[in-house]
């Protein structure tokens, strides 16, 4: 659906086909906020990229390397410049419990990572030594939806049900601005149901893919 189609459908459901109460600009703003909310809650926009690590440096700013990142899914490290290996995540609290004095550890081959989106940081333990200095960390992550600025453009959300969820978000917000809270609550319920249905179906697809891969492997 294009921005115009989403806005037109939203207006029909709000019972207003012209700009009598809500301006196009206002609905366009809500549409962009809705797309970001959908992407954040479903983690449906995914990408990967390299982060350059520096010898003896544990922590790096996420936004410097991935300015639209929402969450990290997994991390691989090119250990000693020879082998890509998935490394597990940890937390500072866990490191404090399991590896007392970890902040003063000697540089070596990173074997785990921790992150904090609010603090805009990703860290590696142990910090990389000279053999692990370079574009050696690959992050698989979800990212934020970019704003739509033209009526002919469409959200980059992957499936139609999520476009319809954007409509729900706009309609629910519109009802709230008029004080129609009961109507708004009903639409919010539809919104969250669509997000849940998407995630259920996506998990089912992953399970099917795993079954197919295992079957192929056993042939």
C-alpha atoms as a PDB file:
ATOM      1  CA  UNK A   1       0.000   0.000   0.000  1.00  0.00           C
ATOM      2  CA  UNK A   2       1.215   3.509  -0.794  1.00  0.00           C
ATOM      3  CA  UNK A   3       1.110   6.376   1.679  1.00  0.00           C
ATOM      4  CA  UNK A   4      -1.919   7.757  -0.158  1.00  0.00           C
ATOM      5  CA  UNK A   5      -3.741   4.410   0.040  1.00  0.00           C
ATOM      6  CA  UNK A   6      -3.007   4.061   3.743  1.00  0.00           C
ATOM      7  CA  UNK A   7      -4.142   7.618   4.459  1.00  0.00           C
ATOM      8  CA  UNK A   8      -7.318   7.205   2.375  1.00  0.00           C
ATOM      9  CA  UNK A   9      -8.273   3.957   4.128  1.00  0.00           C
ATOM     10  CA  UNK A  10      -7.530   5.514   7.515  1.00  0.00           C
ATOM     11  CA  UNK A  11      -9.815   8.444   6.728  1.00  0.00           C
ATOM     12  CA  UNK A  12     -12.639   6.113   5.690  1.00  0.00           C
ATOM     13  CA  UNK A  13     -12.382   4.236   8.962  1.00  0.00           C
ATOM     14  CA  UNK A  14     -12.280   7.502  10.891  1.00  0.00           C
ATOM     15  CA  UNK A  15     -15.433   8.652   9.089  1.00  0.00           C
ATOM     16  CA  UNK A  16     -13.794  11.682   7.508  1.00  0.00           C
ATOM     17  CA  UNK A  17     -12.849  11.710   3.823  1.00  0.00           C
ATOM     18  CA  UNK A  18     -11.645  15.330   3.741  1.00  0.00           C
ATOM     19  CA  UNK A  19      -9.337  17.414   5.929  1.00  0.00           C
ATOM     20  CA  UNK A  20     -12.191  18.677   8.109  1.00  0.00           C
ATOM     21  CA  UNK A  21     -10.547  17.644  11.395  1.00  0.00           C
ATOM     22  CA  UNK A  22      -7.286  15.848  10.658  1.00  0.00           C
ATOM     23  CA  UNK A  23      -4.894  17.350   8.118  1.00  0.00           C
ATOM     24  CA  UNK A  24      -2.995  15.218   5.643  1.00  0.00           C
ATOM     25  CA  UNK A  25       0.210  16.409   7.280  1.00  0.00           C
ATOM     26  CA  UNK A  26      -0.987  15.147  10.664  1.00  0.00           C
ATOM     27  CA  UNK A  27      -1.938  11.727   9.283  1.00  0.00           C
ATOM     28  CA  UNK A  28       1.360  11.496   7.413  1.00  0.00           C
ATOM     29  CA  UNK A  29       3.214  12.128  10.669  1.00  0.00           C
ATOM     30  CA  UNK A  30       1.215   9.422  12.431  1.00  0.00           C
ATOM     31  CA  UNK A  31       1.920   7.042   9.543  1.00  0.00           C
ATOM     32  CA  UNK A  32       5.664   7.443  10.002  1.00  0.00           C
ATOM     33  CA  UNK A  33       5.403   6.971  13.761  1.00  0.00           C
ATOM     34  CA  UNK A  34       3.231   3.891  13.189  1.00  0.00           C
ATOM     35  CA  UNK A  35       5.758   2.353  10.789  1.00  0.00           C
ATOM     36  CA  UNK A  36       8.503   2.830  13.357  1.00  0.00           C
ATOM     37  CA  UNK A  37       6.339   1.264  16.071  1.00  0.00           C
ATOM     38  CA  UNK A  38       5.503  -1.748  13.904  1.00  0.00           C
ATOM     39  CA  UNK A  39       9.159  -2.272  12.982  1.00  0.00           C
ATOM     40  CA  UNK A  40      10.230  -1.946  16.618  1.00  0.00           C
ATOM     41  CA  UNK A  41       7.629  -4.370  17.981  1.00  0.00           C
ATOM     42  CA  UNK A  42       7.932  -7.037  15.267  1.00  0.00           C
ATOM     43  CA  UNK A  43      11.691  -6.742  14.557  1.00  0.00           C
ATOM     44  CA  UNK A  44      10.769  -7.289  10.904  1.00  0.00           C
ATOM     45  CA  UNK A  45      13.456  -5.122   9.275  1.00  0.00           C
ATOM     46  CA  UNK A  46      16.791  -6.938   9.310  1.00  0.00           C
ATOM     47  CA  UNK A  47      20.296  -6.292   8.029  1.00  0.00           C
ATOM     48  CA  UNK A  48      23.918  -7.055   8.805  1.00  0.00           C
ATOM     49  CA  UNK A  49      27.168  -5.150   8.651  1.00  0.00           C
ATOM     50  CA  UNK A  50      30.756  -5.036   9.806  1.00  0.00           C
ATOM     51  CA  UNK A  51      32.113  -3.195  12.823  1.00  0.00           C
ATOM     52  CA  UNK A  52      35.820  -2.384  12.959  1.00  0.00           C
ATOM     53  CA  UNK A  53      37.416  -3.275  16.261  1.00  0.00           C
ATOM     54  CA  UNK A  54      40.596  -1.740  17.654  1.00  0.00           C
ATOM     55  CA  UNK A  55      43.352  -3.382  19.634  1.00  0.00           C
ATOM     56  CA  UNK A  56      42.917  -3.030  23.421  1.00  0.00           C
ATOM     57  CA  UNK A  57      39.477  -1.339  22.996  1.00  0.00           C
ATOM     58  CA  UNK A  58      36.485  -3.127  24.495  1.00  0.00           C
ATOM     59  CA  UNK A  59      33.535  -0.804  23.792  1.00  0.00           C
ATOM     60  CA  UNK A  60      32.184   0.909  20.664  1.00  0.00           C
ATOM     61  CA  UNK A  61      29.289   3.279  19.934  1.00  0.00           C
ATOM     62  CA  UNK A  62      26.539   1.454  18.070  1.00  0.00           C
ATOM     63  CA  UNK A  63      25.159   4.585  16.413  1.00  0.00           C
ATOM     64  CA  UNK A  64      28.542   5.449  14.921  1.00  0.00           C
ATOM     65  CA  UNK A  65      28.478   2.246  12.920  1.00  0.00           C
ATOM     66  CA  UNK A  66      24.736   1.510  12.587  1.00  0.00           C
ATOM     67  CA  UNK A  67      22.768   4.726  12.955  1.00  0.00           C
ATOM     68  CA  UNK A  68      19.318   3.109  12.575  1.00  0.00           C
ATOM     69  CA  UNK A  69      19.854  -0.001  14.716  1.00  0.00           C
ATOM     70  CA  UNK A  70      17.020  -1.195  16.956  1.00  0.00           C
ATOM     71  CA  UNK A  71      18.303  -4.485  18.351  1.00  0.00           C
ATOM     72  CA  UNK A  72      21.141  -6.960  17.878  1.00  0.00           C
ATOM     73  CA  UNK A  73      20.122 -10.461  16.807  1.00  0.00           C
ATOM     74  CA  UNK A  74      23.523 -12.136  16.795  1.00  0.00           C
ATOM     75  CA  UNK A  75      27.219 -11.384  16.407  1.00  0.00           C
ATOM     76  CA  UNK A  76      29.959 -13.215  14.548  1.00  0.00           C
ATOM     77  CA  UNK A  77      33.661 -12.549  15.102  1.00  0.00           C
ATOM     78  CA  UNK A  78      36.480 -13.225  12.631  1.00  0.00           C
ATOM     79  CA  UNK A  79      38.642 -14.749  15.320  1.00  0.00           C
ATOM     80  CA  UNK A  80      42.378 -14.218  14.835  1.00  0.00           C
ATOM     81  CA  UNK A  81      41.611 -13.205  11.273  1.00  0.00           C
ATOM     82  CA  UNK A  82      41.092 -16.839  10.261  1.00  0.00           C
ATOM     83  CA  UNK A  83      37.657 -18.145  11.254  1.00  0.00           C
ATOM     84  CA  UNK A  84      34.203 -16.590  11.507  1.00  0.00           C
ATOM     85  CA  UNK A  85      32.502 -17.788  14.681  1.00  0.00           C
ATOM     86  CA  UNK A  86      29.209 -16.860  16.282  1.00  0.00           C
ATOM     87  CA  UNK A  87      29.868 -15.534  19.786  1.00  0.00           C
ATOM     88  CA  UNK A  88      27.268 -15.540  22.578  1.00  0.00           C
ATOM     89  CA  UNK A  89      25.872 -12.472  24.292  1.00  0.00           C
ATOM     90  CA  UNK A  90      26.389 -11.666  27.943  1.00  0.00           C
ATOM     91  CA  UNK A  91      25.838  -8.731  30.277  1.00  0.00           C
ATOM     92  CA  UNK A  92      28.062  -6.607  32.458  1.00  0.00           C
ATOM     93  CA  UNK A  93      26.322  -8.103  35.487  1.00  0.00           C
ATOM     94  CA  UNK A  94      27.095 -11.639  34.345  1.00  0.00           C
ATOM     95  CA  UNK A  95      30.711 -10.743  33.662  1.00  0.00           C
ATOM     96  CA  UNK A  96      30.974  -9.216  37.132  1.00  0.00           C
ATOM     97  CA  UNK A  97      29.740 -12.508  38.612  1.00  0.00           C
ATOM     98  CA  UNK A  98      31.625 -14.944  36.397  1.00  0.00           C
ATOM     99  CA  UNK A  99      34.773 -12.994  35.520  1.00  0.00           C
ATOM    100  CA  UNK A 100      35.649 -10.685  38.439  1.00  0.00           C
ATOM    101  CA  UNK A 101      38.078  -8.026  37.248  1.00  0.00           C
ATOM    102  CA  UNK A 102      37.035  -8.524  33.640  1.00  0.00           C
ATOM    103  CA  UNK A 103      37.434  -4.828  32.837  1.00  0.00           C
ATOM    104  CA  UNK A 104      41.176  -5.208  33.405  1.00  0.00           C
ATOM    105  CA  UNK A 105      41.545  -8.400  31.362  1.00  0.00           C
ATOM    106  CA  UNK A 106      44.421  -8.703  28.925  1.00  0.00           C
ATOM    107  CA  UNK A 107      43.618  -8.331  25.249  1.00  0.00           C
ATOM    108  CA  UNK A 108      43.012 -11.597  23.424  1.00  0.00           C
ATOM    109  CA  UNK A 109      40.490 -13.191  21.067  1.00  0.00           C
ATOM    110  CA  UNK A 110      36.956 -11.917  21.855  1.00  0.00           C
ATOM    111  CA  UNK A 111      34.692 -14.784  22.852  1.00  0.00           C
ATOM    112  CA  UNK A 112      31.522 -12.941  23.904  1.00  0.00           C
ATOM    113  CA  UNK A 113      29.809  -9.571  23.586  1.00  0.00           C
ATOM    114  CA  UNK A 114      27.435  -7.366  25.542  1.00  0.00           C
ATOM    115  CA  UNK A 115      25.321  -4.432  24.420  1.00  0.00           C
ATOM    116  CA  UNK A 116      23.042  -1.702  25.701  1.00  0.00           C
ATOM    117  CA  UNK A 117      20.932   0.227  23.212  1.00  0.00           C
ATOM    118  CA  UNK A 118      20.047   2.982  25.679  1.00  0.00           C
ATOM    119  CA  UNK A 119      23.739   3.542  26.367  1.00  0.00           C
ATOM    120  CA  UNK A 120      24.510   3.180  22.656  1.00  0.00           C
ATOM    121  CA  UNK A 121      27.271   0.667  23.277  1.00  0.00           C
ATOM    122  CA  UNK A 122      28.520  -2.758  22.240  1.00  0.00           C
ATOM    123  CA  UNK A 123      31.425  -4.329  24.088  1.00  0.00           C
ATOM    124  CA  UNK A 124      33.629  -7.373  23.598  1.00  0.00           C
ATOM    125  CA  UNK A 125      35.241  -9.633  26.171  1.00  0.00           C
ATOM    126  CA  UNK A 126      38.117 -10.024  26.236  1.00  0.00           C
ATOM    127  CA  UNK A 127      39.137  -6.869  24.346  1.00  0.00           C
ATOM    128  CA  UNK A 128      40.700  -7.637  20.945  1.00  0.00           C
ATOM    129  CA  UNK A 129      44.447  -8.001  20.609  1.00  0.00           C
ATOM    130  CA  UNK A 130      46.483  -7.222  17.507  1.00  0.00           C
ATOM    131  CA  UNK A 131      45.381 -10.430  15.761  1.00  0.00           C
ATOM    132  CA  UNK A 132      41.744  -9.342  16.160  1.00  0.00           C
ATOM    133  CA  UNK A 133      42.101  -5.703  15.120  1.00  0.00           C
ATOM    134  CA  UNK A 134      40.075  -4.768  12.032  1.00  0.00           C
ATOM    135  CA  UNK A 135      36.636  -5.159  10.428  1.00  0.00           C
ATOM    136  CA  UNK A 136      36.213  -8.378  12.349  1.00  0.00           C
ATOM    137  CA  UNK A 137      32.805  -8.118  14.037  1.00  0.00           C
ATOM    138  CA  UNK A 138      29.691  -8.782  11.952  1.00  0.00           C
ATOM    139  CA  UNK A 139      26.402  -7.721  13.527  1.00  0.00           C
ATOM    140  CA  UNK A 140      23.043  -9.106  12.467  1.00  0.00           C
ATOM    141  CA  UNK A 141      20.468  -6.594  13.630  1.00  0.00           C
ATOM    142  CA  UNK A 142      17.028  -5.075  13.214  1.00  0.00           C
ATOM    143  CA  UNK A 143      16.701  -1.460  12.176  1.00  0.00           C
ATOM    144  CA  UNK A 144      14.320   1.464  12.332  1.00  0.00           C
ATOM    145  CA  UNK A 145      11.820   2.232   9.589  1.00  0.00           C
ATOM    146  CA  UNK A 146      12.708   5.287   7.493  1.00  0.00           C
ATOM    147  CA  UNK A 147      10.153   8.066   7.109  1.00  0.00           C
ATOM    148  CA  UNK A 148       8.002   8.170   3.981  1.00  0.00           C
ATOM    149  CA  UNK A 149       7.907  11.571   2.308  1.00  0.00           C
ATOM    150  CA  UNK A 150       5.800  11.006  -0.824  1.00  0.00           C
ATOM    151  CA  UNK A 151       2.251   9.757  -1.431  1.00  0.00           C
ATOM    152  CA  UNK A 152       3.517   7.308  -4.056  1.00  0.00           C
ATOM    153  CA  UNK A 153       5.966   5.662  -1.664  1.00  0.00           C
ATOM    154  CA  UNK A 154       5.136   2.582   0.397  1.00  0.00           C
ATOM    155  CA  UNK A 155       6.306   1.394   3.814  1.00  0.00           C
ATOM    156  CA  UNK A 156       9.204  -1.054   3.666  1.00  0.00           C
ATOM    157  CA  UNK A 157       7.307  -3.376   6.011  1.00  0.00           C
ATOM    158  CA  UNK A 158       7.513  -6.867   4.481  1.00  0.00           C
ATOM    159  CA  UNK A 159       3.903  -8.107   4.384  1.00  0.00           C
ATOM    160  CA  UNK A 160       0.429  -6.570   3.786  1.00  0.00           C
ATOM    161  CA  UNK A 161      -0.857  -7.361   7.290  1.00  0.00           C
ATOM    162  CA  UNK A 162       1.712  -4.945   8.702  1.00  0.00           C
ATOM    163  CA  UNK A 163       0.539  -2.207   6.325  1.00  0.00           C
ATOM    164  CA  UNK A 164      -2.965  -2.753   7.675  1.00  0.00           C
ATOM    165  CA  UNK A 165      -1.553  -2.569  11.196  1.00  0.00           C
ATOM    166  CA  UNK A 166      -0.270   0.913  10.325  1.00  0.00           C
ATOM    167  CA  UNK A 167      -3.843   1.840   9.395  1.00  0.00           C
ATOM    168  CA  UNK A 168      -5.021   0.576  12.792  1.00  0.00           C
ATOM    169  CA  UNK A 169      -2.388   2.681  14.559  1.00  0.00           C
ATOM    170  CA  UNK A 170      -3.488   5.827  12.729  1.00  0.00           C
ATOM    171  CA  UNK A 171      -7.205   5.173  13.313  1.00  0.00           C
ATOM    172  CA  UNK A 172      -6.743   4.401  17.018  1.00  0.00           C
ATOM    173  CA  UNK A 173      -4.702   7.569  17.501  1.00  0.00           C
ATOM    174  CA  UNK A 174      -7.300   9.582  15.588  1.00  0.00           C
ATOM    175  CA  UNK A 175     -10.135   8.322  17.790  1.00  0.00           C
ATOM    176  CA  UNK A 176      -8.092   9.166  20.890  1.00  0.00           C
ATOM    177  CA  UNK A 177      -7.619  12.754  19.721  1.00  0.00           C
ATOM    178  CA  UNK A 178     -11.416  13.085  19.485  1.00  0.00           C
ATOM    179  CA  UNK A 179     -11.976  11.562  22.908  1.00  0.00           C
ATOM    180  CA  UNK A 180     -13.512   8.341  21.565  1.00  0.00           C
ATOM    181  CA  UNK A 181     -11.547   6.068  23.883  1.00  0.00           C
ATOM    182  CA  UNK A 182     -13.816   3.021  23.565  1.00  0.00           C
ATOM    183  CA  UNK A 183     -13.444   3.070  19.783  1.00  0.00           C
ATOM    184  CA  UNK A 184      -9.710   3.647  20.134  1.00  0.00           C
ATOM    185  CA  UNK A 185      -9.310   0.691  22.494  1.00  0.00           C
ATOM    186  CA  UNK A 186     -11.119  -1.586  20.056  1.00  0.00           C
ATOM    187  CA  UNK A 187      -8.783  -0.572  17.224  1.00  0.00           C
ATOM    188  CA  UNK A 188      -5.688  -0.857  19.406  1.00  0.00           C
ATOM    189  CA  UNK A 189      -6.710  -4.443  20.101  1.00  0.00           C
ATOM    190  CA  UNK A 190      -6.882  -5.096  16.361  1.00  0.00           C
ATOM    191  CA  UNK A 191      -3.460  -3.502  15.953  1.00  0.00           C
ATOM    192  CA  UNK A 192      -1.783  -5.738  18.527  1.00  0.00           C
ATOM    193  CA  UNK A 193      -3.580  -8.796  17.156  1.00  0.00           C
ATOM    194  CA  UNK A 194      -2.116  -8.152  13.695  1.00  0.00           C
ATOM    195  CA  UNK A 195       1.379  -7.832  15.156  1.00  0.00           C
ATOM    196  CA  UNK A 196       0.918 -11.057  17.109  1.00  0.00           C
ATOM    197  CA  UNK A 197      -0.400 -12.886  14.047  1.00  0.00           C
ATOM    198  CA  UNK A 198       2.608 -11.747  12.038  1.00  0.00           C
ATOM    199  CA  UNK A 199       5.061 -13.016  14.651  1.00  0.00           C
ATOM    200  CA  UNK A 200       3.230 -16.343  15.014  1.00  0.00           C
ATOM    201  CA  UNK A 201       3.299 -16.907  11.265  1.00  0.00           C
ATOM    202  CA  UNK A 202       6.952 -15.836  11.017  1.00  0.00           C
ATOM    203  CA  UNK A 203       7.920 -18.318  13.731  1.00  0.00           C
ATOM    204  CA  UNK A 204       5.998 -21.027  11.908  1.00  0.00           C
ATOM    205  CA  UNK A 205       7.922 -20.253   8.716  1.00  0.00           C
ATOM    206  CA  UNK A 206      11.215 -20.514  10.616  1.00  0.00           C
ATOM    207  CA  UNK A 207      10.197 -23.886  12.031  1.00  0.00           C
ATOM    208  CA  UNK A 208       9.271 -25.106   8.545  1.00  0.00           C
ATOM    209  CA  UNK A 209      12.612 -23.900   7.179  1.00  0.00           C
ATOM    210  CA  UNK A 210      14.460 -25.755   9.940  1.00  0.00           C
ATOM    211  CA  UNK A 211      12.543 -28.973   9.176  1.00  0.00           C
ATOM    212  CA  UNK A 212      13.398 -28.666   5.464  1.00  0.00           C
ATOM    213  CA  UNK A 213      17.080 -28.019   6.220  1.00  0.00           C
ATOM    214  CA  UNK A 214      17.267 -30.997   8.590  1.00  0.00           C
ATOM    215  CA  UNK A 215      15.546 -33.198   6.002  1.00  0.00           C
ATOM    216  CA  UNK A 216      17.971 -32.116   3.269  1.00  0.00           C
ATOM    217  CA  UNK A 217      20.899 -32.678   5.600  1.00  0.00           C
ATOM    218  CA  UNK A 218      19.782 -36.245   6.334  1.00  0.00           C
ATOM    219  CA  UNK A 219      19.452 -37.248   2.677  1.00  0.00           C
END
